[in-house]
Amino acid sequence: MLKRGELDRRISIERRTDVRDENGQPIPTWTRIGRARWASKFAVSGTERFISDQFVGREQDEFHVGWTTDLADVSPLDRIVYPVTLTPTDNEIFDIMAVHEMGWREGLRILAARRAET
């Protein structure tokens, strides 16, 4: 059961849409789905590897959010922006890997990964 008191992080979920430039080339843009919302965040795993002369870290987390109609079709084509701040450079981008419904329209469990190159 999803407990509202456990939703202590602010996130946005975004969907990619392509707009065309003057030459007809697609330019990917990200649009927020609905409003920023409260979520819980749980660490799942983390790895670090040396690839192409650099260290690449990968963090997997699980986010829990309340179910709403605007999130009913969230999928791995979307992404999570965490935390939602006024300064976009402070935000971390998580690629959604899987979405599972918790209960009957009670909440969503979203497995997401963030890649960091150092």
PDB file of N, CA and C in Angstrom:
ATOM      1  N   MET A   1       0.835  -1.187   0.000  1.00  0.00           N
ATOM      2  CA  MET A   1       0.000   0.000   0.000  1.00  0.00           C
ATOM      3  C   MET A   1       0.878   1.249   0.000  1.00  0.00           C
ATOM      4  N   LEU A   2       0.559   2.194  -0.829  1.00  0.00           N
ATOM      5  CA  LEU A   2       1.303   3.435  -0.953  1.00  0.00           C
ATOM      6  C   LEU A   2       0.863   4.399   0.132  1.00  0.00           C
ATOM      7  N   LYS A   3       1.809   4.823   0.986  1.00  0.00           N
ATOM      8  CA  LYS A   3       1.498   5.745   2.075  1.00  0.00           C
ATOM      9  C   LYS A   3       1.957   7.140   1.698  1.00  0.00           C
ATOM     10  N   ARG A   4       1.056   8.083   1.752  1.00  0.00           N
ATOM     11  CA  ARG A   4       1.355   9.459   1.332  1.00  0.00           C
ATOM     12  C   ARG A   4       2.516  10.071   2.112  1.00  0.00           C
ATOM     13  N   GLY A   5       2.684   9.709   3.374  1.00  0.00           N
ATOM     14  CA  GLY A   5       3.780  10.263   4.164  1.00  0.00           C
ATOM     15  C   GLY A   5       5.151   9.843   3.689  1.00  0.00           C
ATOM     16  N   GLU A   6       5.224   8.763   2.900  1.00  0.00           N
ATOM     17  CA  GLU A   6       6.501   8.283   2.379  1.00  0.00           C
ATOM     18  C   GLU A   6       6.911   9.009   1.095  1.00  0.00           C
ATOM     19  N   LEU A   7       6.011   9.771   0.525  1.00  0.00           N
ATOM     20  CA  LEU A   7       6.306  10.503  -0.710  1.00  0.00           C
ATOM     21  C   LEU A   7       7.031  11.792  -0.343  1.00  0.00           C
ATOM     22  N   ASP A   8       8.356  11.718  -0.276  1.00  0.00           N
ATOM     23  CA  ASP A   8       9.153  12.823   0.251  1.00  0.00           C
ATOM     24  C   ASP A   8      10.104  13.447  -0.768  1.00  0.00           C
ATOM     25  N   ARG A   9       9.983  13.077  -2.036  1.00  0.00           N
ATOM     26  CA  ARG A   9      10.840  13.621  -3.090  1.00  0.00           C
ATOM     27  C   ARG A   9       9.962  14.238  -4.166  1.00  0.00           C
ATOM     28  N   ARG A  10      10.468  15.270  -4.801  1.00  0.00           N
ATOM     29  CA  ARG A  10       9.716  15.950  -5.855  1.00  0.00           C
ATOM     30  C   ARG A  10      10.332  15.564  -7.197  1.00  0.00           C
ATOM     31  N   ILE A  11       9.531  15.009  -8.115  1.00  0.00           N
ATOM     32  CA  ILE A  11      10.025  14.610  -9.426  1.00  0.00           C
ATOM     33  C   ILE A  11       9.095  15.134 -10.519  1.00  0.00           C
ATOM     34  N   SER A  12       9.610  15.100 -11.742  1.00  0.00           N
ATOM     35  CA  SER A  12       8.793  15.331 -12.930  1.00  0.00           C
ATOM     36  C   SER A  12       8.997  14.143 -13.847  1.00  0.00           C
ATOM     37  N   ILE A  13       7.965  13.798 -14.578  1.00  0.00           N
ATOM     38  CA  ILE A  13       8.068  12.760 -15.596  1.00  0.00           C
ATOM     39  C   ILE A  13       7.869  13.450 -16.933  1.00  0.00           C
ATOM     40  N   GLU A  14       8.796  13.181 -17.847  1.00  0.00           N
ATOM     41  CA  GLU A  14       8.771  13.867 -19.137  1.00  0.00           C
ATOM     42  C   GLU A  14       8.647  12.876 -20.285  1.00  0.00           C
ATOM     43  N   ARG A  15       8.025  13.347 -21.360  1.00  0.00           N
ATOM     44  CA  ARG A  15       7.847  12.546 -22.574  1.00  0.00           C
ATOM     45  C   ARG A  15       8.550  13.247 -23.725  1.00  0.00           C
ATOM     46  N   ARG A  16       9.234  12.462 -24.534  1.00  0.00           N
ATOM     47  CA  ARG A  16       9.952  13.005 -25.690  1.00  0.00           C
ATOM     48  C   ARG A  16       8.995  13.240 -26.849  1.00  0.00           C
ATOM     49  N   THR A  17       9.135  14.400 -27.445  1.00  0.00           N
ATOM     50  CA  THR A  17       8.432  14.708 -28.687  1.00  0.00           C
ATOM     51  C   THR A  17       9.447  15.322 -29.635  1.00  0.00           C
ATOM     52  N   ASP A  18       9.296  15.083 -30.904  1.00  0.00           N
ATOM     53  CA  ASP A  18      10.209  15.654 -31.893  1.00  0.00           C
ATOM     54  C   ASP A  18       9.534  16.814 -32.600  1.00  0.00           C
ATOM     55  N   VAL A  19      10.235  17.923 -32.657  1.00  0.00           N
ATOM     56  CA  VAL A  19       9.795  19.054 -33.465  1.00  0.00           C
ATOM     57  C   VAL A  19      10.757  19.161 -34.639  1.00  0.00           C
ATOM     58  N   ARG A  20      10.335  19.772 -35.691  1.00  0.00           N
ATOM     59  CA  ARG A  20      11.158  19.875 -36.907  1.00  0.00           C
ATOM     60  C   ARG A  20      11.773  21.265 -37.023  1.00  0.00           C
ATOM     61  N   ASP A  21      13.049  21.293 -37.413  1.00  0.00           N
ATOM     62  CA  ASP A  21      13.686  22.586 -37.665  1.00  0.00           C
ATOM     63  C   ASP A  21      13.326  23.048 -39.070  1.00  0.00           C
ATOM     64  N   GLU A  22      13.910  24.173 -39.514  1.00  0.00           N
ATOM     65  CA  GLU A  22      13.553  24.735 -40.816  1.00  0.00           C
ATOM     66  C   GLU A  22      13.938  23.817 -41.984  1.00  0.00           C
ATOM     67  N   ASN A  23      14.852  22.857 -41.738  1.00  0.00           N
ATOM     68  CA  ASN A  23      15.248  21.905 -42.779  1.00  0.00           C
ATOM     69  C   ASN A  23      14.479  20.589 -42.689  1.00  0.00           C
ATOM     70  N   GLY A  24      13.545  20.511 -41.768  1.00  0.00           N
ATOM     71  CA  GLY A  24      12.763  19.295 -41.613  1.00  0.00           C
ATOM     72  C   GLY A  24      13.417  18.230 -40.744  1.00  0.00           C
ATOM     73  N   GLN A  25      14.548  18.541 -40.155  1.00  0.00           N
ATOM     74  CA  GLN A  25      15.242  17.583 -39.299  1.00  0.00           C
ATOM     75  C   GLN A  25      14.585  17.545 -37.923  1.00  0.00           C
ATOM     76  N   PRO A  26      14.410  16.334 -37.354  1.00  0.00           N
ATOM     77  CA  PRO A  26      13.781  16.247 -36.031  1.00  0.00           C
ATOM     78  C   PRO A  26      14.710  16.742 -34.930  1.00  0.00           C
ATOM     79  N   ILE A  27      14.160  17.503 -34.019  1.00  0.00           N
ATOM     80  CA  ILE A  27      14.885  17.982 -32.843  1.00  0.00           C
ATOM     81  C   ILE A  27      14.138  17.438 -31.623  1.00  0.00           C
ATOM     82  N   PRO A  28      14.795  16.571 -30.851  1.00  0.00           N
ATOM     83  CA  PRO A  28      14.099  16.015 -29.682  1.00  0.00           C
ATOM     84  C   PRO A  28      13.894  17.070 -28.602  1.00  0.00           C
ATOM     85  N   THR A  29      12.678  17.125 -28.073  1.00  0.00           N
ATOM     86  CA  THR A  29      12.366  17.996 -26.945  1.00  0.00           C
ATOM     87  C   THR A  29      11.633  17.160 -25.906  1.00  0.00           C
ATOM     88  N   TRP A  30      11.715  17.576 -24.667  1.00  0.00           N
ATOM     89  CA  TRP A  30      11.073  16.853 -23.572  1.00  0.00           C
ATOM     90  C   TRP A  30      10.016  17.740 -22.947  1.00  0.00           C
ATOM     91  N   THR A  31       8.813  17.189 -22.780  1.00  0.00           N
ATOM     92  CA  THR A  31       7.685  17.918 -22.219  1.00  0.00           C
ATOM     93  C   THR A  31       7.201  17.204 -20.974  1.00  0.00           C
ATOM     94  N   ARG A  32       6.992  17.969 -19.912  1.00  0.00           N
ATOM     95  CA  ARG A  32       6.536  17.368 -18.662  1.00  0.00           C
ATOM     96  C   ARG A  32       5.123  16.827 -18.809  1.00  0.00           C
ATOM     97  N   ILE A  33       4.899  15.632 -18.262  1.00  0.00           N
ATOM     98  CA  ILE A  33       3.574  15.027 -18.238  1.00  0.00           C
ATOM     99  C   ILE A  33       2.887  15.510 -16.967  1.00  0.00           C
ATOM    100  N   GLY A  34       1.844  16.284 -17.115  1.00  0.00           N
ATOM    101  CA  GLY A  34       1.133  16.791 -15.941  1.00  0.00           C
ATOM    102  C   GLY A  34       1.990  17.763 -15.152  1.00  0.00           C
ATOM    103  N   ARG A  35       1.901  17.648 -13.854  1.00  0.00           N
ATOM    104  CA  ARG A  35       2.616  18.553 -12.940  1.00  0.00           C
ATOM    105  C   ARG A  35       3.759  17.819 -12.256  1.00  0.00           C
ATOM    106  N   ALA A  36       4.614  18.578 -11.576  1.00  0.00           N
ATOM    107  CA  ALA A  36       5.617  17.936 -10.720  1.00  0.00           C
ATOM    108  C   ALA A  36       4.861  17.215  -9.613  1.00  0.00           C
ATOM    109  N   ARG A  37       5.381  16.086  -9.165  1.00  0.00           N
ATOM    110  CA  ARG A  37       4.634  15.283  -8.188  1.00  0.00           C
ATOM    111  C   ARG A  37       5.549  14.726  -7.117  1.00  0.00           C
ATOM    112  N   TRP A  38       4.920  14.329  -6.023  1.00  0.00           N
ATOM    113  CA  TRP A  38       5.648  13.748  -4.905  1.00  0.00           C
ATOM    114  C   TRP A  38       5.880  12.266  -5.165  1.00  0.00           C
ATOM    115  N   ALA A  39       7.053  11.780  -4.748  1.00  0.00           N
ATOM    116  CA  ALA A  39       7.422  10.383  -4.969  1.00  0.00           C
ATOM    117  C   ALA A  39       8.315   9.899  -3.841  1.00  0.00           C
ATOM    118  N   SER A  40       8.469   8.596  -3.755  1.00  0.00           N
ATOM    119  CA  SER A  40       9.468   7.970  -2.894  1.00  0.00           C
ATOM    120  C   SER A  40      10.580   7.465  -3.803  1.00  0.00           C
ATOM    121  N   LYS A  41      11.811   7.459  -3.298  1.00  0.00           N
ATOM    122  CA  LYS A  41      12.958   6.999  -4.084  1.00  0.00           C
ATOM    123  C   LYS A  41      13.725   5.975  -3.265  1.00  0.00           C
ATOM    124  N   PHE A  42      13.987   4.815  -3.877  1.00  0.00           N
ATOM    125  CA  PHE A  42      14.710   3.739  -3.213  1.00  0.00           C
ATOM    126  C   PHE A  42      15.871   3.302  -4.095  1.00  0.00           C
ATOM    127  N   ALA A  43      17.061   3.189  -3.512  1.00  0.00           N
ATOM    128  CA  ALA A  43      18.223   2.709  -4.256  1.00  0.00           C
ATOM    129  C   ALA A  43      18.065   1.215  -4.521  1.00  0.00           C
ATOM    130  N   VAL A  44      18.349   0.798  -5.749  1.00  0.00           N
ATOM    131  CA  VAL A  44      18.265  -0.612  -6.119  1.00  0.00           C
ATOM    132  C   VAL A  44      19.662  -1.188  -6.314  1.00  0.00           C
ATOM    133  N   SER A  45      20.470  -0.549  -7.167  1.00  0.00           N
ATOM    134  CA  SER A  45      21.835  -1.031  -7.396  1.00  0.00           C
ATOM    135  C   SER A  45      22.671   0.069  -8.026  1.00  0.00           C
ATOM    136  N   GLY A  46      23.963  -0.176  -8.050  1.00  0.00           N
ATOM    137  CA  GLY A  46      24.886   0.744  -8.690  1.00  0.00           C
ATOM    138  C   GLY A  46      26.113  -0.015  -9.155  1.00  0.00           C
ATOM    139  N   THR A  47      26.646   0.367 -10.303  1.00  0.00           N
ATOM    140  CA  THR A  47      27.840  -0.273 -10.841  1.00  0.00           C
ATOM    141  C   THR A  47      28.761   0.790 -11.412  1.00  0.00           C
ATOM    142  N   GLU A  48      30.017   0.414 -11.584  1.00  0.00           N
ATOM    143  CA  GLU A  48      30.982   1.297 -12.223  1.00  0.00           C
ATOM    144  C   GLU A  48      31.882   0.448 -13.101  1.00  0.00           C
ATOM    145  N   ARG A  49      32.077   0.888 -14.334  1.00  0.00           N
ATOM    146  CA  ARG A  49      32.909   0.155 -15.281  1.00  0.00           C
ATOM    147  C   ARG A  49      33.823   1.114 -16.012  1.00  0.00           C
ATOM    148  N   PHE A  50      34.924   0.569 -16.523  1.00  0.00           N
ATOM    149  CA  PHE A  50      35.853   1.344 -17.328  1.00  0.00           C
ATOM    150  C   PHE A  50      35.581   1.019 -18.784  1.00  0.00           C
ATOM    151  N   ILE A  51      35.018   1.991 -19.521  1.00  0.00           N
ATOM    152  CA  ILE A  51      34.641   1.796 -20.918  1.00  0.00           C
ATOM    153  C   ILE A  51      35.201   2.953 -21.741  1.00  0.00           C
ATOM    154  N   SER A  52      35.859   2.641 -22.827  1.00  0.00           N
ATOM    155  CA  SER A  52      36.378   3.659 -23.758  1.00  0.00           C
ATOM    156  C   SER A  52      37.189   4.723 -23.035  1.00  0.00           C
ATOM    157  N   ASP A  53      38.158   4.276 -22.244  1.00  0.00           N
ATOM    158  CA  ASP A  53      39.080   5.178 -21.535  1.00  0.00           C
ATOM    159  C   ASP A  53      38.411   6.114 -20.545  1.00  0.00           C
ATOM    160  N   GLN A  54      37.276   5.707 -19.985  1.00  0.00           N
ATOM    161  CA  GLN A  54      36.635   6.507 -18.947  1.00  0.00           C
ATOM    162  C   GLN A  54      35.812   5.610 -18.035  1.00  0.00           C
ATOM    163  N   PHE A  55      35.626   6.067 -16.810  1.00  0.00           N
ATOM    164  CA  PHE A  55      34.771   5.348 -15.879  1.00  0.00           C
ATOM    165  C   PHE A  55      33.324   5.742 -16.133  1.00  0.00           C
ATOM    166  N   VAL A  56      32.449   4.746 -16.178  1.00  0.00           N
ATOM    167  CA  VAL A  56      31.025   4.985 -16.380  1.00  0.00           C
ATOM    168  C   VAL A  56      30.280   4.343 -15.222  1.00  0.00           C
ATOM    169  N   GLY A  57      29.557   5.159 -14.492  1.00  0.00           N
ATOM    170  CA  GLY A  57      28.769   4.658 -13.373  1.00  0.00           C
ATOM    171  C   GLY A  57      27.306   4.557 -13.778  1.00  0.00           C
ATOM    172  N   ARG A  58      26.622   3.567 -13.220  1.00  0.00           N
ATOM    173  CA  ARG A  58      25.199   3.399 -13.512  1.00  0.00           C
ATOM    174  C   ARG A  58      24.482   3.138 -12.200  1.00  0.00           C
ATOM    175  N   GLU A  59      23.490   3.942 -11.949  1.00  0.00           N
ATOM    176  CA  GLU A  59      22.699   3.857 -10.714  1.00  0.00           C
ATOM    177  C   GLU A  59      21.276   3.474 -11.079  1.00  0.00           C
ATOM    178  N   GLN A  60      20.737   2.470 -10.385  1.00  0.00           N
ATOM    179  CA  GLN A  60      19.340   2.103 -10.587  1.00  0.00           C
ATOM    180  C   GLN A  60      18.563   2.428  -9.325  1.00  0.00           C
ATOM    181  N   ASP A  61      17.424   3.065  -9.520  1.00  0.00           N
ATOM    182  CA  ASP A  61      16.563   3.433  -8.406  1.00  0.00           C
ATOM    183  C   ASP A  61      15.130   3.061  -8.745  1.00  0.00           C
ATOM    184  N   GLU A  62      14.330   2.949  -7.701  1.00  0.00           N
ATOM    185  CA  GLU A  62      12.910   2.683  -7.852  1.00  0.00           C
ATOM    186  C   GLU A  62      12.154   3.878  -7.287  1.00  0.00           C
ATOM    187  N   PHE A  63      11.239   4.405  -8.073  1.00  0.00           N
ATOM    188  CA  PHE A  63      10.413   5.526  -7.655  1.00  0.00           C
ATOM    189  C   PHE A  63       8.982   5.033  -7.488  1.00  0.00           C
ATOM    190  N   HIS A  64       8.319   5.478  -6.440  1.00  0.00           N
ATOM    191  CA  HIS A  64       6.902   5.185  -6.234  1.00  0.00           C
ATOM    192  C   HIS A  64       6.145   6.507  -6.314  1.00  0.00           C
ATOM    193  N   VAL A  65       5.110   6.541  -7.133  1.00  0.00           N
ATOM    194  CA  VAL A  65       4.262   7.731  -7.268  1.00  0.00           C
ATOM    195  C   VAL A  65       2.807   7.302  -7.206  1.00  0.00           C
ATOM    196  N   GLY A  66       1.950   8.223  -6.837  1.00  0.00           N
ATOM    197  CA  GLY A  66       0.514   7.950  -6.843  1.00  0.00           C
ATOM    198  C   GLY A  66      -0.001   7.856  -8.272  1.00  0.00           C
ATOM    199  N   TRP A  67      -0.999   6.999  -8.467  1.00  0.00           N
ATOM    200  CA  TRP A  67      -1.571   6.813  -9.799  1.00  0.00           C
ATOM    201  C   TRP A  67      -2.477   7.987 -10.133  1.00  0.00           C
ATOM    202  N   THR A  68      -2.340   8.509 -11.336  1.00  0.00           N
ATOM    203  CA  THR A  68      -3.251   9.520 -11.873  1.00  0.00           C
ATOM    204  C   THR A  68      -3.502   9.196 -13.342  1.00  0.00           C
ATOM    205  N   THR A  69      -4.558   9.736 -13.897  1.00  0.00           N
ATOM    206  CA  THR A  69      -4.880   9.417 -15.286  1.00  0.00           C
ATOM    207  C   THR A  69      -3.797   9.895 -16.251  1.00  0.00           C
ATOM    208  N   ASP A  70      -3.132  11.021 -15.944  1.00  0.00           N
ATOM    209  CA  ASP A  70      -2.093  11.495 -16.863  1.00  0.00           C
ATOM    210  C   ASP A  70      -0.848  10.617 -16.831  1.00  0.00           C
ATOM    211  N   LEU A  71      -0.695   9.758 -15.806  1.00  0.00           N
ATOM    212  CA  LEU A  71       0.442   8.837 -15.751  1.00  0.00           C
ATOM    213  C   LEU A  71       0.079   7.422 -16.187  1.00  0.00           C
ATOM    214  N   ALA A  72      -1.151   7.200 -16.592  1.00  0.00           N
ATOM    215  CA  ALA A  72      -1.618   5.847 -16.923  1.00  0.00           C
ATOM    216  C   ALA A  72      -0.804   5.197 -18.041  1.00  0.00           C
ATOM    217  N   ASP A  73      -0.217   5.983 -18.933  1.00  0.00           N
ATOM    218  CA  ASP A  73       0.526   5.411 -20.059  1.00  0.00           C
ATOM    219  C   ASP A  73       2.031   5.675 -19.987  1.00  0.00           C
ATOM    220  N   VAL A  74       2.557   5.956 -18.790  1.00  0.00           N
ATOM    221  CA  VAL A  74       4.005   6.142 -18.637  1.00  0.00           C
ATOM    222  C   VAL A  74       4.704   4.847 -19.046  1.00  0.00           C
ATOM    223  N   SER A  75       5.815   4.982 -19.775  1.00  0.00           N
ATOM    224  CA  SER A  75       6.510   3.813 -20.308  1.00  0.00           C
ATOM    225  C   SER A  75       8.019   4.067 -20.356  1.00  0.00           C
ATOM    226  N   PRO A  76       8.799   3.061 -20.766  1.00  0.00           N
ATOM    227  CA  PRO A  76      10.243   3.252 -20.910  1.00  0.00           C
ATOM    228  C   PRO A  76      10.641   4.282 -21.968  1.00  0.00           C
ATOM    229  N   LEU A  77       9.700   4.814 -22.710  1.00  0.00           N
ATOM    230  CA  LEU A  77      10.003   5.888 -23.652  1.00  0.00           C
ATOM    231  C   LEU A  77      10.100   7.237 -22.940  1.00  0.00           C
ATOM    232  N   ASP A  78       9.688   7.290 -21.680  1.00  0.00           N
ATOM    233  CA  ASP A  78       9.677   8.520 -20.901  1.00  0.00           C
ATOM    234  C   ASP A  78      10.891   8.571 -19.972  1.00  0.00           C
ATOM    235  N   ARG A  79      11.026   9.666 -19.239  1.00  0.00           N
ATOM    236  CA  ARG A  79      12.142   9.799 -18.303  1.00  0.00           C
ATOM    237  C   ARG A  79      11.694  10.543 -17.057  1.00  0.00           C
ATOM    238  N   ILE A  80      12.519  10.435 -16.005  1.00  0.00           N
ATOM    239  CA  ILE A  80      12.262  11.122 -14.736  1.00  0.00           C
ATOM    240  C   ILE A  80      13.315  12.196 -14.546  1.00  0.00           C
ATOM    241  N   VAL A  81      12.877  13.372 -14.122  1.00  0.00           N
ATOM    242  CA  VAL A  81      13.785  14.449 -13.747  1.00  0.00           C
ATOM    243  C   VAL A  81      13.722  14.559 -12.230  1.00  0.00           C
ATOM    244  N   TYR A  82      14.896  14.384 -11.577  1.00  0.00           N
ATOM    245  CA  TYR A  82      14.958  14.392 -10.117  1.00  0.00           C
ATOM    246  C   TYR A  82      16.199  15.129  -9.676  1.00  0.00           C
ATOM    247  N   PRO A  83      16.170  15.908  -8.649  1.00  0.00           N
ATOM    248  CA  PRO A  83      14.961  16.497  -8.079  1.00  0.00           C
ATOM    249  C   PRO A  83      14.498  17.642  -8.952  1.00  0.00           C
ATOM    250  N   VAL A  84      13.292  18.049  -8.766  1.00  0.00           N
ATOM    251  CA  VAL A  84      12.785  19.195  -9.508  1.00  0.00           C
ATOM    252  C   VAL A  84      13.297  20.437  -8.790  1.00  0.00           C
ATOM    253  N   THR A  85      14.145  21.181  -9.445  1.00  0.00           N
ATOM    254  CA  THR A  85      14.693  22.408  -8.859  1.00  0.00           C
ATOM    255  C   THR A  85      14.513  23.553  -9.839  1.00  0.00           C
ATOM    256  N   LEU A  86      14.746  24.729  -9.352  1.00  0.00           N
ATOM    257  CA  LEU A  86      14.662  25.903 -10.226  1.00  0.00           C
ATOM    258  C   LEU A  86      15.868  25.987 -11.147  1.00  0.00           C
ATOM    259  N   THR A  87      16.965  25.306 -10.778  1.00  0.00           N
ATOM    260  CA  THR A  87      18.168  25.323 -11.587  1.00  0.00           C
ATOM    261  C   THR A  87      18.269  24.000 -12.343  1.00  0.00           C
ATOM    262  N   PRO A  88      17.974  23.964 -13.637  1.00  0.00           N
ATOM    263  CA  PRO A  88      17.972  22.701 -14.379  1.00  0.00           C
ATOM    264  C   PRO A  88      19.292  21.938 -14.323  1.00  0.00           C
ATOM    265  N   THR A  89      20.420  22.628 -14.143  1.00  0.00           N
ATOM    266  CA  THR A  89      21.702  21.926 -14.105  1.00  0.00           C
ATOM    267  C   THR A  89      21.857  21.086 -12.839  1.00  0.00           C
ATOM    268  N   ASP A  90      21.041  21.318 -11.825  1.00  0.00           N
ATOM    269  CA  ASP A  90      21.093  20.524 -10.597  1.00  0.00           C
ATOM    270  C   ASP A  90      20.287  19.238 -10.712  1.00  0.00           C
ATOM    271  N   ASN A  91      19.496  19.102 -11.753  1.00  0.00           N
ATOM    272  CA  ASN A  91      18.620  17.948 -11.905  1.00  0.00           C
ATOM    273  C   ASN A  91      19.367  16.742 -12.451  1.00  0.00           C
ATOM    274  N   GLU A  92      18.941  15.559 -12.040  1.00  0.00           N
ATOM    275  CA  GLU A  92      19.464  14.311 -12.572  1.00  0.00           C
ATOM    276  C   GLU A  92      18.398  13.695 -13.462  1.00  0.00           C
ATOM    277  N   ILE A  93      18.822  13.108 -14.570  1.00  0.00           N
ATOM    278  CA  ILE A  93      17.901  12.494 -15.519  1.00  0.00           C
ATOM    279  C   ILE A  93      17.994  10.974 -15.368  1.00  0.00           C
ATOM    280  N   PHE A  94      16.843  10.343 -15.153  1.00  0.00           N
ATOM    281  CA  PHE A  94      16.747   8.889 -15.040  1.00  0.00           C
ATOM    282  C   PHE A  94      15.943   8.363 -16.221  1.00  0.00           C
ATOM    283  N   ASP A  95      16.500   7.395 -16.927  1.00  0.00           N
ATOM    284  CA  ASP A  95      15.770   6.729 -18.005  1.00  0.00           C
ATOM    285  C   ASP A  95      14.874   5.660 -17.392  1.00  0.00           C
ATOM    286  N   ILE A  96      13.613   5.671 -17.750  1.00  0.00           N
ATOM    287  CA  ILE A  96      12.673   4.688 -17.215  1.00  0.00           C
ATOM    288  C   ILE A  96      12.909   3.349 -17.905  1.00  0.00           C
ATOM    289  N   MET A  97      13.053   2.304 -17.081  1.00  0.00           N
ATOM    290  CA  MET A  97      13.294   0.962 -17.604  1.00  0.00           C
ATOM    291  C   MET A  97      12.035   0.099 -17.551  1.00  0.00           C
ATOM    292  N   ALA A  98      11.199   0.280 -16.526  1.00  0.00           N
ATOM    293  CA  ALA A  98       9.979  -0.517 -16.379  1.00  0.00           C
ATOM    294  C   ALA A  98       9.000   0.230 -15.496  1.00  0.00           C
ATOM    295  N   VAL A  99       7.709   0.005 -15.728  1.00  0.00           N
ATOM    296  CA  VAL A  99       6.639   0.621 -14.941  1.00  0.00           C
ATOM    297  C   VAL A  99       5.664  -0.475 -14.533  1.00  0.00           C
ATOM    298  N   HIS A 100       5.373  -0.566 -13.226  1.00  0.00           N
ATOM    299  CA  HIS A 100       4.441  -1.567 -12.710  1.00  0.00           C
ATOM    300  C   HIS A 100       3.392  -0.881 -11.856  1.00  0.00           C
ATOM    301  N   GLU A 101       2.151  -1.277 -12.047  1.00  0.00           N
ATOM    302  CA  GLU A 101       1.064  -0.710 -11.252  1.00  0.00           C
ATOM    303  C   GLU A 101       1.071  -1.353  -9.864  1.00  0.00           C
ATOM    304  N   MET A 102       0.871  -0.544  -8.836  1.00  0.00           N
ATOM    305  CA  MET A 102       0.793  -1.013  -7.453  1.00  0.00           C
ATOM    306  C   MET A 102      -0.676  -0.985  -7.047  1.00  0.00           C
ATOM    307  N   GLY A 103      -1.255  -2.152  -6.791  1.00  0.00           N
ATOM    308  CA  GLY A 103      -2.670  -2.180  -6.458  1.00  0.00           C
ATOM    309  C   GLY A 103      -3.502  -1.782  -7.666  1.00  0.00           C
ATOM    310  N   TRP A 104      -4.789  -1.580  -7.450  1.00  0.00           N
ATOM    311  CA  TRP A 104      -5.665  -1.144  -8.531  1.00  0.00           C
ATOM    312  C   TRP A 104      -5.715   0.368  -8.556  1.00  0.00           C
ATOM    313  N   ARG A 105      -4.967   0.967  -9.470  1.00  0.00           N
ATOM    314  CA  ARG A 105      -4.901   2.420  -9.635  1.00  0.00           C
ATOM    315  C   ARG A 105      -4.538   3.133  -8.336  1.00  0.00           C
ATOM    316  N   GLU A 106      -3.675   2.498  -7.563  1.00  0.00           N
ATOM    317  CA  GLU A 106      -3.217   3.108  -6.318  1.00  0.00           C
ATOM    318  C   GLU A 106      -1.909   3.866  -6.519  1.00  0.00           C
ATOM    319  N   GLY A 107      -0.979   3.239  -7.234  1.00  0.00           N
ATOM    320  CA  GLY A 107       0.309   3.872  -7.451  1.00  0.00           C
ATOM    321  C   GLY A 107       1.073   3.177  -8.555  1.00  0.00           C
ATOM    322  N   LEU A 108       2.226   3.741  -8.891  1.00  0.00           N
ATOM    323  CA  LEU A 108       3.112   3.159  -9.890  1.00  0.00           C
ATOM    324  C   LEU A 108       4.489   2.966  -9.272  1.00  0.00           C
ATOM    325  N   ARG A 109       5.089   1.832  -9.582  1.00  0.00           N
ATOM    326  CA  ARG A 109       6.477   1.549  -9.204  1.00  0.00           C
ATOM    327  C   ARG A 109       7.279   1.673 -10.495  1.00  0.00           C
ATOM    328  N   ILE A 110       8.199   2.631 -10.520  1.00  0.00           N
ATOM    329  CA  ILE A 110       8.962   2.930 -11.731  1.00  0.00           C
ATOM    330  C   ILE A 110      10.426   2.607 -11.481  1.00  0.00           C
ATOM    331  N   LEU A 111      10.967   1.674 -12.242  1.00  0.00           N
ATOM    332  CA  LEU A 111      12.380   1.333 -12.169  1.00  0.00           C
ATOM    333  C   LEU A 111      13.105   2.192 -13.191  1.00  0.00           C
ATOM    334  N   ALA A 112      14.123   2.913 -12.742  1.00  0.00           N
ATOM    335  CA  ALA A 112      14.808   3.855 -13.624  1.00  0.00           C
ATOM    336  C   ALA A 112      16.311   3.803 -13.383  1.00  0.00           C
ATOM    337  N   ALA A 113      17.078   4.208 -14.389  1.00  0.00           N
ATOM    338  CA  ALA A 113      18.549   4.177 -14.303  1.00  0.00           C
ATOM    339  C   ALA A 113      19.117   5.529 -14.711  1.00  0.00           C
ATOM    340  N   ARG A 114      20.213   5.863 -14.036  1.00  0.00           N
ATOM    341  CA  ARG A 114      20.940   7.104 -14.344  1.00  0.00           C
ATOM    342  C   ARG A 114      22.371   6.733 -14.652  1.00  0.00           C
ATOM    343  N   ARG A 115      22.901   7.286 -15.715  1.00  0.00           N
ATOM    344  CA  ARG A 115      24.273   7.005 -16.122  1.00  0.00           C
ATOM    345  C   ARG A 115      25.130   8.243 -15.883  1.00  0.00           C
ATOM    346  N   ALA A 116      26.272   8.036 -15.278  1.00  0.00           N
ATOM    347  CA  ALA A 116      27.179   9.149 -14.999  1.00  0.00           C
ATOM    348  C   ALA A 116      28.556   8.809 -15.539  1.00  0.00           C
ATOM    349  N   GLU A 117      29.099   9.664 -16.362  1.00  0.00           N
ATOM    350  CA  GLU A 117      30.445   9.465 -16.913  1.00  0.00           C
ATOM    351  C   GLU A 117      31.404  10.362 -16.165  1.00  0.00           C
ATOM    352  N   THR A 118      32.515   9.779 -15.718  1.00  0.00           N
ATOM    353  CA  THR A 118      33.514  10.567 -14.978  1.00  0.00           C
ATOM    354  C   THR A 118      34.853  10.495 -15.649  1.00  0.00           C
TER     355      THR A 118
END
